[in-house]
Amino acid sequence: MSEINYDPNLCCSGRMAKQRLKLTFARWNYRAAWFVDIGGNCMGLSVIESAVSSLYEKLPTTHSYDMPYIRLGDKDGNCLECADEDDEGEEWLAKMLIAAEIVSIEPAS
């Protein structure tokens, strides 16, 4: 794991920052990770919640039922598609989150 200078001054006093997060989701032995960029002045858990929300809004939808889904894979190359069948929204995705890491932070341009 690389270390970053998580400077709180980049997000205080009305300043804005761009943060890149790595989100890892899982079901059984299936995993997938996404990188999400979040702008604003939130930090810590708030930026992680924002990243999950942002990713949920960008997920593709199933052709037959128009439900957001994600595709996860295992070490053998098998795939599993998980869809938001109960229309839980972001909470559905958050329940599968097993790791979240803020990998970079920089001043917003």
PDB file of N, CA and C in Angstrom:
ATOM      1  N   MET A   1       0.847  -1.163   0.000  1.00  0.00           N
ATOM      2  CA  MET A   1       0.000   0.000   0.000  1.00  0.00           C
ATOM      3  C   MET A   1       0.899   1.236   0.000  1.00  0.00           C
ATOM      4  N   SER A   2       0.641   2.124  -0.918  1.00  0.00           N
ATOM      5  CA  SER A   2       1.438   3.348  -0.965  1.00  0.00           C
ATOM      6  C   SER A   2       0.884   4.361   0.031  1.00  0.00           C
ATOM      7  N   GLU A   3       1.765   5.200   0.515  1.00  0.00           N
ATOM      8  CA  GLU A   3       1.346   6.214   1.468  1.00  0.00           C
ATOM      9  C   GLU A   3       1.157   7.547   0.758  1.00  0.00           C
ATOM     10  N   ILE A   4       0.092   8.249   1.120  1.00  0.00           N
ATOM     11  CA  ILE A   4      -0.153   9.571   0.570  1.00  0.00           C
ATOM     12  C   ILE A   4      -0.120  10.578   1.704  1.00  0.00           C
ATOM     13  N   ASN A   5       0.128  11.814   1.358  1.00  0.00           N
ATOM     14  CA  ASN A   5       0.037  12.902   2.322  1.00  0.00           C
ATOM     15  C   ASN A   5      -1.415  13.355   2.327  1.00  0.00           C
ATOM     16  N   TYR A   6      -2.211  12.838   3.264  1.00  0.00           N
ATOM     17  CA  TYR A   6      -3.633  13.181   3.324  1.00  0.00           C
ATOM     18  C   TYR A   6      -3.787  14.500   4.079  1.00  0.00           C
ATOM     19  N   ASP A   7      -3.479  15.568   3.369  1.00  0.00           N
ATOM     20  CA  ASP A   7      -3.439  16.918   3.929  1.00  0.00           C
ATOM     21  C   ASP A   7      -4.855  17.454   4.154  1.00  0.00           C
ATOM     22  N   PRO A   8      -5.298  17.591   5.407  1.00  0.00           N
ATOM     23  CA  PRO A   8      -6.651  18.087   5.681  1.00  0.00           C
ATOM     24  C   PRO A   8      -6.853  19.542   5.241  1.00  0.00           C
ATOM     25  N   ASN A   9      -5.766  20.270   5.067  1.00  0.00           N
ATOM     26  CA  ASN A   9      -5.881  21.663   4.635  1.00  0.00           C
ATOM     27  C   ASN A   9      -6.428  21.788   3.210  1.00  0.00           C
ATOM     28  N   LEU A  10      -6.346  20.711   2.424  1.00  0.00           N
ATOM     29  CA  LEU A  10      -6.874  20.761   1.062  1.00  0.00           C
ATOM     30  C   LEU A  10      -8.401  20.794   1.035  1.00  0.00           C
ATOM     31  N   CYS A  11      -9.042  20.419   2.157  1.00  0.00           N
ATOM     32  CA  CYS A  11     -10.507  20.333   2.208  1.00  0.00           C
ATOM     33  C   CYS A  11     -11.128  21.240   3.269  1.00  0.00           C
ATOM     34  N   CYS A  12     -10.387  22.161   3.831  1.00  0.00           N
ATOM     35  CA  CYS A  12     -10.975  23.007   4.873  1.00  0.00           C
ATOM     36  C   CYS A  12     -11.042  24.461   4.407  1.00  0.00           C
ATOM     37  N   SER A  13     -11.761  25.248   5.144  1.00  0.00           N
ATOM     38  CA  SER A  13     -11.908  26.680   4.866  1.00  0.00           C
ATOM     39  C   SER A  13     -12.455  26.935   3.461  1.00  0.00           C
ATOM     40  N   GLY A  14     -13.390  26.085   3.036  1.00  0.00           N
ATOM     41  CA  GLY A  14     -14.021  26.278   1.748  1.00  0.00           C
ATOM     42  C   GLY A  14     -13.222  25.785   0.561  1.00  0.00           C
ATOM     43  N   ARG A  15     -12.051  25.222   0.798  1.00  0.00           N
ATOM     44  CA  ARG A  15     -11.229  24.704  -0.303  1.00  0.00           C
ATOM     45  C   ARG A  15     -11.829  23.410  -0.851  1.00  0.00           C
ATOM     46  N   MET A  16     -11.540  23.147  -2.107  1.00  0.00           N
ATOM     47  CA  MET A  16     -12.016  21.930  -2.757  1.00  0.00           C
ATOM     48  C   MET A  16     -10.819  21.074  -3.149  1.00  0.00           C
ATOM     49  N   ALA A  17     -11.017  19.759  -3.115  1.00  0.00           N
ATOM     50  CA  ALA A  17      -9.964  18.824  -3.500  1.00  0.00           C
ATOM     51  C   ALA A  17     -10.558  17.742  -4.387  1.00  0.00           C
ATOM     52  N   LYS A  18      -9.694  17.119  -5.171  1.00  0.00           N
ATOM     53  CA  LYS A  18     -10.086  15.945  -5.952  1.00  0.00           C
ATOM     54  C   LYS A  18      -9.430  14.744  -5.288  1.00  0.00           C
ATOM     55  N   GLN A  19     -10.266  13.767  -4.918  1.00  0.00           N
ATOM     56  CA  GLN A  19      -9.769  12.561  -4.268  1.00  0.00           C
ATOM     57  C   GLN A  19     -10.086  11.359  -5.142  1.00  0.00           C
ATOM     58  N   ARG A  20      -9.120  10.483  -5.267  1.00  0.00           N
ATOM     59  CA  ARG A  20      -9.316   9.233  -6.013  1.00  0.00           C
ATOM     60  C   ARG A  20      -9.414   8.105  -4.996  1.00  0.00           C
ATOM     61  N   LEU A  21     -10.451   7.293  -5.143  1.00  0.00           N
ATOM     62  CA  LEU A  21     -10.676   6.174  -4.242  1.00  0.00           C
ATOM     63  C   LEU A  21     -10.683   4.874  -4.999  1.00  0.00           C
ATOM     64  N   LYS A  22     -10.195   3.836  -4.347  1.00  0.00           N
ATOM     65  CA  LYS A  22     -10.300   2.472  -4.867  1.00  0.00           C
ATOM     66  C   LYS A  22     -11.343   1.761  -4.006  1.00  0.00           C
ATOM     67  N   LEU A  23     -12.431   1.323  -4.643  1.00  0.00           N
ATOM     68  CA  LEU A  23     -13.504   0.621  -3.955  1.00  0.00           C
ATOM     69  C   LEU A  23     -13.502  -0.834  -4.404  1.00  0.00           C
ATOM     70  N   THR A  24     -13.511  -1.754  -3.450  1.00  0.00           N
ATOM     71  CA  THR A  24     -13.534  -3.179  -3.763  1.00  0.00           C
ATOM     72  C   THR A  24     -14.829  -3.780  -3.232  1.00  0.00           C
ATOM     73  N   PHE A  25     -15.516  -4.505  -4.120  1.00  0.00           N
ATOM     74  CA  PHE A  25     -16.792  -5.138  -3.789  1.00  0.00           C
ATOM     75  C   PHE A  25     -16.645  -6.641  -3.908  1.00  0.00           C
ATOM     76  N   ALA A  26     -17.456  -7.392  -3.139  1.00  0.00           N
ATOM     77  CA  ALA A  26     -17.345  -8.848  -3.160  1.00  0.00           C
ATOM     78  C   ALA A  26     -18.676  -9.509  -2.859  1.00  0.00           C
ATOM     79  N   ARG A  27     -18.799 -10.700  -3.412  1.00  0.00           N
ATOM     80  CA  ARG A  27     -19.846 -11.673  -3.087  1.00  0.00           C
ATOM     81  C   ARG A  27     -19.150 -13.019  -3.125  1.00  0.00           C
ATOM     82  N   TRP A  28     -19.201 -13.756  -2.057  1.00  0.00           N
ATOM     83  CA  TRP A  28     -18.503 -15.028  -1.934  1.00  0.00           C
ATOM     84  C   TRP A  28     -17.040 -14.857  -2.353  1.00  0.00           C
ATOM     85  N   ASN A  29     -16.555 -15.638  -3.311  1.00  0.00           N
ATOM     86  CA  ASN A  29     -15.159 -15.530  -3.748  1.00  0.00           C
ATOM     87  C   ASN A  29     -14.983 -14.616  -4.954  1.00  0.00           C
ATOM     88  N   TYR A  30     -16.005 -13.903  -5.322  1.00  0.00           N
ATOM     89  CA  TYR A  30     -15.959 -13.019  -6.481  1.00  0.00           C
ATOM     90  C   TYR A  30     -15.639 -11.602  -6.026  1.00  0.00           C
ATOM     91  N   ARG A  31     -14.753 -10.923  -6.753  1.00  0.00           N
ATOM     92  CA  ARG A  31     -14.302  -9.575  -6.391  1.00  0.00           C
ATOM     93  C   ARG A  31     -14.217  -8.702  -7.630  1.00  0.00           C
ATOM     94  N   ALA A  32     -14.290  -7.401  -7.402  1.00  0.00           N
ATOM     95  CA  ALA A  32     -14.006  -6.411  -8.446  1.00  0.00           C
ATOM     96  C   ALA A  32     -13.710  -5.089  -7.756  1.00  0.00           C
ATOM     97  N   ALA A  33     -12.819  -4.322  -8.369  1.00  0.00           N
ATOM     98  CA  ALA A  33     -12.442  -3.015  -7.823  1.00  0.00           C
ATOM     99  C   ALA A  33     -12.664  -1.943  -8.881  1.00  0.00           C
ATOM    100  N   TRP A  34     -13.058  -0.778  -8.420  1.00  0.00           N
ATOM    101  CA  TRP A  34     -13.258   0.394  -9.286  1.00  0.00           C
ATOM    102  C   TRP A  34     -12.522   1.573  -8.678  1.00  0.00           C
ATOM    103  N   PHE A  35     -12.041   2.447  -9.548  1.00  0.00           N
ATOM    104  CA  PHE A  35     -11.473   3.717  -9.121  1.00  0.00           C
ATOM    105  C   PHE A  35     -12.511   4.796  -9.401  1.00  0.00           C
ATOM    106  N   VAL A  36     -12.739   5.641  -8.399  1.00  0.00           N
ATOM    107  CA  VAL A  36     -13.746   6.694  -8.493  1.00  0.00           C
ATOM    108  C   VAL A  36     -13.109   8.004  -8.061  1.00  0.00           C
ATOM    109  N   ASP A  37     -13.322   9.065  -8.827  1.00  0.00           N
ATOM    110  CA  ASP A  37     -12.840  10.400  -8.468  1.00  0.00           C
ATOM    111  C   ASP A  37     -13.989  11.204  -7.870  1.00  0.00           C
ATOM    112  N   ILE A  38     -13.698  11.846  -6.739  1.00  0.00           N
ATOM    113  CA  ILE A  38     -14.684  12.661  -6.038  1.00  0.00           C
ATOM    114  C   ILE A  38     -14.092  14.041  -5.794  1.00  0.00           C
ATOM    115  N   GLY A  39     -14.852  15.060  -6.137  1.00  0.00           N
ATOM    116  CA  GLY A  39     -14.436  16.432  -5.867  1.00  0.00           C
ATOM    117  C   GLY A  39     -15.256  17.010  -4.728  1.00  0.00           C
ATOM    118  N   GLY A  40     -14.738  18.030  -4.099  1.00  0.00           N
ATOM    119  CA  GLY A  40     -15.476  18.682  -3.022  1.00  0.00           C
ATOM    120  C   GLY A  40     -14.607  18.916  -1.818  1.00  0.00           C
ATOM    121  N   ASN A  41     -15.280  19.099  -0.671  1.00  0.00           N
ATOM    122  CA  ASN A  41     -14.523  19.375   0.548  1.00  0.00           C
ATOM    123  C   ASN A  41     -14.853  18.387   1.665  1.00  0.00           C
ATOM    124  N   CYS A  42     -15.280  17.174   1.315  1.00  0.00           N
ATOM    125  CA  CYS A  42     -15.523  16.176   2.344  1.00  0.00           C
ATOM    126  C   CYS A  42     -14.289  15.288   2.515  1.00  0.00           C
ATOM    127  N   MET A  43     -14.220  14.609   3.652  1.00  0.00           N
ATOM    128  CA  MET A  43     -13.071  13.762   3.958  1.00  0.00           C
ATOM    129  C   MET A  43     -13.539  12.474   4.611  1.00  0.00           C
ATOM    130  N   GLY A  44     -12.633  11.514   4.673  1.00  0.00           N
ATOM    131  CA  GLY A  44     -12.865  10.276   5.408  1.00  0.00           C
ATOM    132  C   GLY A  44     -14.079   9.498   4.940  1.00  0.00           C
ATOM    133  N   LEU A  45     -14.917   9.078   5.879  1.00  0.00           N
ATOM    134  CA  LEU A  45     -16.086   8.262   5.575  1.00  0.00           C
ATOM    135  C   LEU A  45     -17.052   8.975   4.626  1.00  0.00           C
ATOM    136  N   SER A  46     -17.167  10.284   4.743  1.00  0.00           N
ATOM    137  CA  SER A  46     -18.064  11.036   3.857  1.00  0.00           C
ATOM    138  C   SER A  46     -17.649  10.908   2.401  1.00  0.00           C
ATOM    139  N   VAL A  47     -16.356  10.956   2.122  1.00  0.00           N
ATOM    140  CA  VAL A  47     -15.900  10.839   0.737  1.00  0.00           C
ATOM    141  C   VAL A  47     -16.081   9.406   0.237  1.00  0.00           C
ATOM    142  N   ILE A  48     -15.971   8.423   1.113  1.00  0.00           N
ATOM    143  CA  ILE A  48     -16.213   7.030   0.725  1.00  0.00           C
ATOM    144  C   ILE A  48     -17.686   6.842   0.380  1.00  0.00           C
ATOM    145  N   GLU A  49     -18.581   7.372   1.194  1.00  0.00           N
ATOM    146  CA  GLU A  49     -20.017   7.294   0.896  1.00  0.00           C
ATOM    147  C   GLU A  49     -20.339   7.994  -0.423  1.00  0.00           C
ATOM    148  N   SER A  50     -19.710   9.120  -0.670  1.00  0.00           N
ATOM    149  CA  SER A  50     -19.918   9.835  -1.933  1.00  0.00           C
ATOM    150  C   SER A  50     -19.428   9.015  -3.123  1.00  0.00           C
ATOM    151  N   ALA A  51     -18.322   8.315  -2.946  1.00  0.00           N
ATOM    152  CA  ALA A  51     -17.775   7.496  -4.027  1.00  0.00           C
ATOM    153  C   ALA A  51     -18.698   6.323  -4.352  1.00  0.00           C
ATOM    154  N   VAL A  52     -19.253   5.678  -3.339  1.00  0.00           N
ATOM    155  CA  VAL A  52     -20.196   4.579  -3.566  1.00  0.00           C
ATOM    156  C   VAL A  52     -21.423   5.102  -4.299  1.00  0.00           C
ATOM    157  N   SER A  53     -21.936   6.252  -3.870  1.00  0.00           N
ATOM    158  CA  SER A  53     -23.094   6.861  -4.520  1.00  0.00           C
ATOM    159  C   SER A  53     -22.804   7.210  -5.976  1.00  0.00           C
ATOM    160  N   SER A  54     -21.647   7.786  -6.216  1.00  0.00           N
ATOM    161  CA  SER A  54     -21.261   8.166  -7.570  1.00  0.00           C
ATOM    162  C   SER A  54     -21.133   6.942  -8.471  1.00  0.00           C
ATOM    163  N   LEU A  55     -20.521   5.886  -7.961  1.00  0.00           N
ATOM    164  CA  LEU A  55     -20.375   4.665  -8.741  1.00  0.00           C
ATOM    165  C   LEU A  55     -21.741   4.057  -9.044  1.00  0.00           C
ATOM    166  N   TYR A  56     -22.631   4.022  -8.060  1.00  0.00           N
ATOM    167  CA  TYR A  56     -23.968   3.450  -8.268  1.00  0.00           C
ATOM    168  C   TYR A  56     -24.680   4.156  -9.426  1.00  0.00           C
ATOM    169  N   GLU A  57     -24.568   5.462  -9.482  1.00  0.00           N
ATOM    170  CA  GLU A  57     -25.229   6.231 -10.538  1.00  0.00           C
ATOM    171  C   GLU A  57     -24.669   5.923 -11.927  1.00  0.00           C
ATOM    172  N   LYS A  58     -23.449   5.403 -11.992  1.00  0.00           N
ATOM    173  CA  LYS A  58     -22.792   5.138 -13.279  1.00  0.00           C
ATOM    174  C   LYS A  58     -22.859   3.668 -13.704  1.00  0.00           C
ATOM    175  N   LEU A  59     -23.450   2.807 -12.876  1.00  0.00           N
ATOM    176  CA  LEU A  59     -23.505   1.386 -13.212  1.00  0.00           C
ATOM    177  C   LEU A  59     -24.393   1.144 -14.425  1.00  0.00           C
ATOM    178  N   PRO A  60     -24.034   0.148 -15.234  1.00  0.00           N
ATOM    179  CA  PRO A  60     -24.929  -0.226 -16.339  1.00  0.00           C
ATOM    180  C   PRO A  60     -26.190  -0.868 -15.780  1.00  0.00           C
ATOM    181  N   THR A  61     -27.214  -0.974 -16.594  1.00  0.00           N
ATOM    182  CA  THR A  61     -28.458  -1.605 -16.162  1.00  0.00           C
ATOM    183  C   THR A  61     -28.728  -2.845 -17.008  1.00  0.00           C
ATOM    184  N   THR A  62     -29.446  -3.791 -16.413  1.00  0.00           N
ATOM    185  CA  THR A  62     -29.820  -5.006 -17.134  1.00  0.00           C
ATOM    186  C   THR A  62     -30.762  -4.636 -18.265  1.00  0.00           C
ATOM    187  N   HIS A  63     -30.716  -5.396 -19.329  1.00  0.00           N
ATOM    188  CA  HIS A  63     -31.548  -5.097 -20.490  1.00  0.00           C
ATOM    189  C   HIS A  63     -33.024  -5.403 -20.234  1.00  0.00           C
ATOM    190  N   SER A  64     -33.301  -6.459 -19.504  1.00  0.00           N
ATOM    191  CA  SER A  64     -34.691  -6.871 -19.340  1.00  0.00           C
ATOM    192  C   SER A  64     -35.438  -6.132 -18.232  1.00  0.00           C
ATOM    193  N   TYR A  65     -34.758  -5.764 -17.160  1.00  0.00           N
ATOM    194  CA  TYR A  65     -35.460  -5.158 -16.026  1.00  0.00           C
ATOM    195  C   TYR A  65     -34.969  -3.764 -15.657  1.00  0.00           C
ATOM    196  N   ASP A  66     -33.996  -3.248 -16.373  1.00  0.00           N
ATOM    197  CA  ASP A  66     -33.477  -1.906 -16.128  1.00  0.00           C
ATOM    198  C   ASP A  66     -32.984  -1.725 -14.685  1.00  0.00           C
ATOM    199  N   MET A  67     -32.295  -2.751 -14.164  1.00  0.00           N
ATOM    200  CA  MET A  67     -31.733  -2.698 -12.812  1.00  0.00           C
ATOM    201  C   MET A  67     -30.228  -2.506 -12.896  1.00  0.00           C
ATOM    202  N   PRO A  68     -29.640  -1.642 -12.058  1.00  0.00           N
ATOM    203  CA  PRO A  68     -28.183  -1.533 -12.019  1.00  0.00           C
ATOM    204  C   PRO A  68     -27.563  -2.874 -11.603  1.00  0.00           C
ATOM    205  N   TYR A  69     -26.398  -3.172 -12.184  1.00  0.00           N
ATOM    206  CA  TYR A  69     -25.709  -4.404 -11.814  1.00  0.00           C
ATOM    207  C   TYR A  69     -24.197  -4.186 -11.858  1.00  0.00           C
ATOM    208  N   ILE A  70     -23.479  -5.088 -11.189  1.00  0.00           N
ATOM    209  CA  ILE A  70     -22.023  -5.120 -11.281  1.00  0.00           C
ATOM    210  C   ILE A  70     -21.606  -6.537 -11.636  1.00  0.00           C
ATOM    211  N   ARG A  71     -20.453  -6.641 -12.273  1.00  0.00           N
ATOM    212  CA  ARG A  71     -19.891  -7.935 -12.645  1.00  0.00           C
ATOM    213  C   ARG A  71     -18.635  -8.145 -11.804  1.00  0.00           C
ATOM    214  N   LEU A  72     -18.606  -9.263 -11.095  1.00  0.00           N
ATOM    215  CA  LEU A  72     -17.483  -9.625 -10.241  1.00  0.00           C
ATOM    216  C   LEU A  72     -16.814 -10.856 -10.829  1.00  0.00           C
ATOM    217  N   GLY A  73     -15.543 -11.062 -10.511  1.00  0.00           N
ATOM    218  CA  GLY A  73     -14.824 -12.221 -11.019  1.00  0.00           C
ATOM    219  C   GLY A  73     -14.087 -12.956  -9.916  1.00  0.00           C
ATOM    220  N   ASP A  74     -13.810 -14.228 -10.176  1.00  0.00           N
ATOM    221  CA  ASP A  74     -13.015 -14.998  -9.220  1.00  0.00           C
ATOM    222  C   ASP A  74     -11.629 -15.273  -9.795  1.00  0.00           C
ATOM    223  N   LYS A  75     -10.792 -15.941  -9.025  1.00  0.00           N
ATOM    224  CA  LYS A  75      -9.405 -16.173  -9.437  1.00  0.00           C
ATOM    225  C   LYS A  75      -9.292 -17.113 -10.638  1.00  0.00           C
ATOM    226  N   ASP A  76     -10.359 -17.862 -10.927  1.00  0.00           N
ATOM    227  CA  ASP A  76     -10.356 -18.784 -12.062  1.00  0.00           C
ATOM    228  C   ASP A  76     -10.925 -18.156 -13.334  1.00  0.00           C
ATOM    229  N   GLY A  77     -11.288 -16.885 -13.258  1.00  0.00           N
ATOM    230  CA  GLY A  77     -11.825 -16.199 -14.436  1.00  0.00           C
ATOM    231  C   GLY A  77     -13.330 -16.316 -14.609  1.00  0.00           C
ATOM    232  N   ASN A  78     -14.012 -16.911 -13.636  1.00  0.00           N
ATOM    233  CA  ASN A  78     -15.478 -17.005 -13.703  1.00  0.00           C
ATOM    234  C   ASN A  78     -16.096 -15.669 -13.305  1.00  0.00           C
ATOM    235  N   CYS A  79     -17.257 -15.366 -13.855  1.00  0.00           N
ATOM    236  CA  CYS A  79     -17.934 -14.096 -13.574  1.00  0.00           C
ATOM    237  C   CYS A  79     -19.256 -14.322 -12.862  1.00  0.00           C
ATOM    238  N   LEU A  80     -19.623 -13.359 -12.059  1.00  0.00           N
ATOM    239  CA  LEU A  80     -20.903 -13.329 -11.362  1.00  0.00           C
ATOM    240  C   LEU A  80     -21.487 -11.939 -11.547  1.00  0.00           C
ATOM    241  N   GLU A  81     -22.714 -11.875 -12.044  1.00  0.00           N
ATOM    242  CA  GLU A  81     -23.399 -10.580 -12.155  1.00  0.00           C
ATOM    243  C   GLU A  81     -24.360 -10.442 -10.992  1.00  0.00           C
ATOM    244  N   CYS A  82     -24.254  -9.322 -10.288  1.00  0.00           N
ATOM    245  CA  CYS A  82     -25.134  -9.023  -9.167  1.00  0.00           C
ATOM    246  C   CYS A  82     -25.950  -7.798  -9.531  1.00  0.00           C
ATOM    247  N   ALA A  83     -27.283  -7.915  -9.425  1.00  0.00           N
ATOM    248  CA  ALA A  83     -28.167  -6.803  -9.771  1.00  0.00           C
ATOM    249  C   ALA A  83     -28.915  -6.317  -8.538  1.00  0.00           C
ATOM    250  N   ASP A  84     -29.302  -5.067  -8.568  1.00  0.00           N
ATOM    251  CA  ASP A  84     -30.081  -4.448  -7.489  1.00  0.00           C
ATOM    252  C   ASP A  84     -31.549  -4.871  -7.629  1.00  0.00           C
ATOM    253  N   GLU A  85     -31.796  -6.157  -7.402  1.00  0.00           N
ATOM    254  CA  GLU A  85     -33.117  -6.745  -7.632  1.00  0.00           C
ATOM    255  C   GLU A  85     -34.195  -6.203  -6.710  1.00  0.00           C
ATOM    256  N   ASP A  86     -33.830  -5.780  -5.501  1.00  0.00           N
ATOM    257  CA  ASP A  86     -34.819  -5.288  -4.548  1.00  0.00           C
ATOM    258  C   ASP A  86     -34.928  -3.765  -4.549  1.00  0.00           C
ATOM    259  N   ASP A  87     -34.294  -3.126  -5.531  1.00  0.00           N
ATOM    260  CA  ASP A  87     -34.349  -1.671  -5.682  1.00  0.00           C
ATOM    261  C   ASP A  87     -33.923  -0.950  -4.396  1.00  0.00           C
ATOM    262  N   GLU A  88     -32.792  -1.392  -3.845  1.00  0.00           N
ATOM    263  CA  GLU A  88     -32.270  -0.806  -2.610  1.00  0.00           C
ATOM    264  C   GLU A  88     -31.425   0.440  -2.856  1.00  0.00           C
ATOM    265  N   GLY A  89     -31.055   0.689  -4.094  1.00  0.00           N
ATOM    266  CA  GLY A  89     -30.237   1.850  -4.410  1.00  0.00           C
ATOM    267  C   GLY A  89     -28.811   1.685  -3.914  1.00  0.00           C
ATOM    268  N   GLU A  90     -28.228   2.773  -3.485  1.00  0.00           N
ATOM    269  CA  GLU A  90     -26.831   2.791  -3.048  1.00  0.00           C
ATOM    270  C   GLU A  90     -26.561   1.812  -1.914  1.00  0.00           C
ATOM    271  N   GLU A  91     -27.559   1.578  -1.067  1.00  0.00           N
ATOM    272  CA  GLU A  91     -27.390   0.658   0.066  1.00  0.00           C
ATOM    273  C   GLU A  91     -27.043  -0.749  -0.418  1.00  0.00           C
ATOM    274  N   TRP A  92     -27.636  -1.163  -1.539  1.00  0.00           N
ATOM    275  CA  TRP A  92     -27.331  -2.477  -2.142  1.00  0.00           C
ATOM    276  C   TRP A  92     -25.843  -2.585  -2.449  1.00  0.00           C
ATOM    277  N   LEU A  93     -25.297  -1.543  -3.073  1.00  0.00           N
ATOM    278  CA  LEU A  93     -23.884  -1.548  -3.420  1.00  0.00           C
ATOM    279  C   LEU A  93     -23.013  -1.463  -2.168  1.00  0.00           C
ATOM    280  N   ALA A  94     -23.405  -0.632  -1.215  1.00  0.00           N
ATOM    281  CA  ALA A  94     -22.632  -0.455   0.022  1.00  0.00           C
ATOM    282  C   ALA A  94     -22.523  -1.766   0.809  1.00  0.00           C
ATOM    283  N   LYS A  95     -23.539  -2.620   0.732  1.00  0.00           N
ATOM    284  CA  LYS A  95     -23.503  -3.897   1.451  1.00  0.00           C
ATOM    285  C   LYS A  95     -22.426  -4.839   0.915  1.00  0.00           C
ATOM    286  N   MET A  96     -22.003  -4.637  -0.333  1.00  0.00           N
ATOM    287  CA  MET A  96     -20.975  -5.494  -0.929  1.00  0.00           C
ATOM    288  C   MET A  96     -19.572  -4.905  -0.799  1.00  0.00           C
ATOM    289  N   LEU A  97     -19.459  -3.698  -0.267  1.00  0.00           N
ATOM    290  CA  LEU A  97     -18.165  -3.033  -0.135  1.00  0.00           C
ATOM    291  C   LEU A  97     -17.325  -3.724   0.936  1.00  0.00           C
ATOM    292  N   ILE A  98     -16.143  -4.215   0.542  1.00  0.00           N
ATOM    293  CA  ILE A  98     -15.269  -4.872   1.520  1.00  0.00           C
ATOM    294  C   ILE A  98     -13.985  -4.081   1.762  1.00  0.00           C
ATOM    295  N   ALA A  99     -13.680  -3.110   0.883  1.00  0.00           N
ATOM    296  CA  ALA A  99     -12.488  -2.288   1.080  1.00  0.00           C
ATOM    297  C   ALA A  99     -12.680  -0.953   0.374  1.00  0.00           C
ATOM    298  N   ALA A 100     -12.200   0.094   1.021  1.00  0.00           N
ATOM    299  CA  ALA A 100     -12.224   1.432   0.431  1.00  0.00           C
ATOM    300  C   ALA A 100     -10.934   2.119   0.846  1.00  0.00           C
ATOM    301  N   GLU A 101     -10.238   2.649  -0.146  1.00  0.00           N
ATOM    302  CA  GLU A 101      -8.975   3.327   0.127  1.00  0.00           C
ATOM    303  C   GLU A 101      -8.924   4.628  -0.660  1.00  0.00           C
ATOM    304  N   ILE A 102      -8.597   5.702   0.015  1.00  0.00           N
ATOM    305  CA  ILE A 102      -8.344   6.969  -0.662  1.00  0.00           C
ATOM    306  C   ILE A 102      -6.896   6.896  -1.118  1.00  0.00           C
ATOM    307  N   VAL A 103      -6.684   6.847  -2.430  1.00  0.00           N
ATOM    308  CA  VAL A 103      -5.336   6.623  -2.956  1.00  0.00           C
ATOM    309  C   VAL A 103      -4.623   7.904  -3.328  1.00  0.00           C
ATOM    310  N   SER A 104      -5.390   8.998  -3.521  1.00  0.00           N
ATOM    311  CA  SER A 104      -4.726  10.283  -3.793  1.00  0.00           C
ATOM    312  C   SER A 104      -5.662  11.425  -3.448  1.00  0.00           C
ATOM    313  N   ILE A 105      -5.049  12.553  -3.159  1.00  0.00           N
ATOM    314  CA  ILE A 105      -5.794  13.788  -2.906  1.00  0.00           C
ATOM    315  C   ILE A 105      -4.942  14.925  -3.471  1.00  0.00           C
ATOM    316  N   GLU A 106      -5.602  15.832  -4.181  1.00  0.00           N
ATOM    317  CA  GLU A 106      -4.897  16.979  -4.732  1.00  0.00           C
ATOM    318  C   GLU A 106      -5.860  18.152  -4.806  1.00  0.00           C
ATOM    319  N   PRO A 107      -5.331  19.361  -4.865  1.00  0.00           N
ATOM    320  CA  PRO A 107      -6.220  20.512  -4.963  1.00  0.00           C
ATOM    321  C   PRO A 107      -7.060  20.437  -6.233  1.00  0.00           C
ATOM    322  N   ALA A 108      -8.323  20.830  -6.128  1.00  0.00           N
ATOM    323  CA  ALA A 108      -9.192  20.857  -7.318  1.00  0.00           C
ATOM    324  C   ALA A 108      -8.692  21.964  -8.242  1.00  0.00           C
ATOM    325  N   SER A 109      -8.769  21.701  -9.529  1.00  0.00           N
ATOM    326  CA  SER A 109      -8.291  22.722 -10.478  1.00  0.00           C
ATOM    327  C   SER A 109      -9.424  23.611 -10.933  1.00  0.00           C
TER     328      SER A 109
END
